[in-house]
Protein backbone atom coordinates (compact mmCIF):
# COMPACT_ATOMS: atom_id res chain seq x y z
CA MET A 1 106.92 78.64 -53.22
CA LYS A 2 106.84 75.25 -55.04
CA LYS A 3 104.76 76.78 -57.73
CA THR A 4 107.24 79.59 -58.19
CA LEU A 5 110.07 77.02 -57.80
CA LEU A 6 108.54 75.23 -60.59
CA ILE A 7 107.84 77.88 -62.75
CA ALA A 8 111.56 79.38 -62.40
CA VAL A 9 112.99 76.10 -63.11
CA ALA A 10 111.00 75.48 -66.42
CA ALA A 11 112.18 79.09 -67.62
CA LEU A 12 115.51 78.44 -67.21
CA SER A 13 115.19 75.18 -68.82
CA LEU A 14 113.70 77.10 -71.86
CA ALA A 15 116.22 79.97 -71.80
CA SER A 16 119.32 77.65 -71.80
CA CYS A 17 117.98 76.67 -75.70
CA SER A 18 120.49 78.60 -77.85
CA GLU A 19 122.60 78.35 -81.12
CA TYR A 20 126.09 77.55 -81.43
CA SER A 21 127.49 81.13 -80.79
CA ARG A 22 130.17 80.98 -78.03
CA SER A 23 128.76 84.79 -76.73
CA ASP A 24 125.27 83.76 -76.55
CA ARG A 25 125.77 80.72 -74.84
CA ALA A 26 128.12 82.67 -72.48
CA LEU A 27 125.26 85.21 -71.83
CA GLY A 28 122.50 82.33 -71.39
CA GLY A 29 124.71 80.65 -69.12
CA ALA A 30 125.46 83.78 -67.08
CA ALA A 31 121.86 84.39 -66.58
CA ILE A 32 121.02 80.95 -65.76
CA GLY A 33 123.93 80.76 -63.41
CA ALA A 34 123.09 84.18 -61.64
CA GLY A 35 119.72 83.18 -61.45
CA THR A 36 120.40 79.88 -59.62
CA GLY A 37 123.00 81.12 -57.58
CA ALA A 38 120.70 84.08 -56.04
CA LEU A 39 118.51 81.65 -55.29
CA ILE A 40 120.54 78.93 -53.64
CA GLY A 41 122.41 81.62 -51.69
CA GLY A 42 119.29 83.40 -50.29
CA LEU A 43 117.59 80.24 -49.53
CA ALA A 44 121.05 78.89 -47.80
CA THR A 45 121.60 81.95 -45.92
CA ASN A 46 118.26 83.67 -45.51
CA SER A 47 119.94 87.37 -46.37
CA GLY A 48 120.16 89.42 -49.56
CA GLY A 49 123.87 89.64 -49.23
CA GLY A 50 123.91 85.68 -49.40
CA ALA A 51 121.80 86.28 -52.53
CA VAL A 52 123.77 88.72 -53.96
CA VAL A 53 127.12 86.67 -53.41
CA GLY A 54 125.59 83.72 -55.12
CA GLY A 55 124.40 85.38 -57.94
CA VAL A 56 127.65 86.89 -58.65
CA LEU A 57 129.53 83.35 -58.44
CA GLY A 58 126.81 81.70 -60.31
CA ALA A 59 127.01 84.16 -63.28
CA ALA A 60 130.72 84.05 -63.44
CA ALA A 61 130.49 80.04 -63.39
CA GLY A 62 127.57 79.99 -65.64
CA GLY A 63 129.18 82.43 -68.14
CA ILE A 64 132.54 80.00 -68.00
CA ILE A 65 130.65 76.85 -68.43
CA GLY A 66 128.14 78.32 -71.18
CA ALA A 67 131.11 79.59 -73.63
CA GLU A 68 133.32 76.61 -72.90
CA THR A 69 130.48 73.72 -73.79
CA THR A 70 129.56 75.55 -77.32
CA PRO A 71 129.56 72.92 -79.62
CA ARG A 72 132.34 73.29 -82.27
CA ALA A 73 130.87 72.38 -85.29
CA CYS A 74 132.66 73.70 -88.48
CA ARG A 75 131.87 73.20 -92.15
CA VAL A 76 134.07 72.59 -94.83
CA ARG A 77 133.66 71.93 -98.52
CA ASP A 78 135.66 69.36 -100.30
CA ARG A 79 136.95 69.38 -103.85
CA TRP A 80 133.71 68.56 -105.18
CA GLY A 81 131.89 71.59 -103.75
CA ARG A 82 129.99 69.26 -101.18
CA TRP A 83 129.65 70.59 -97.61
CA HIS A 84 130.72 68.38 -94.56
CA ARG A 85 130.66 68.92 -90.65
CA VAL A 86 133.89 68.55 -88.94
CA GLN A 87 135.59 69.04 -85.53
CA CYS A 88 136.55 72.60 -84.96
CA PRO A 89 139.91 72.92 -83.91
């Protein structure tokens, strides 16, 4: 069980690496949240129903958190043609 949990944690941490696309981060967050929620829900209730509910709630929370934590790094060009990164509105 410990080995499986360690592999799952390592896979989830690697899956969380993504670019700055808001939709990509929402999907990644939903996948991570669903897996984690299902695991915790199943372990907490010792039933499949608990795993399903935990997975659904985890997917919703992970999707929202993933989308809202997307870094907003916009690029603008100054009057001399040089690119600069600025905080997006």
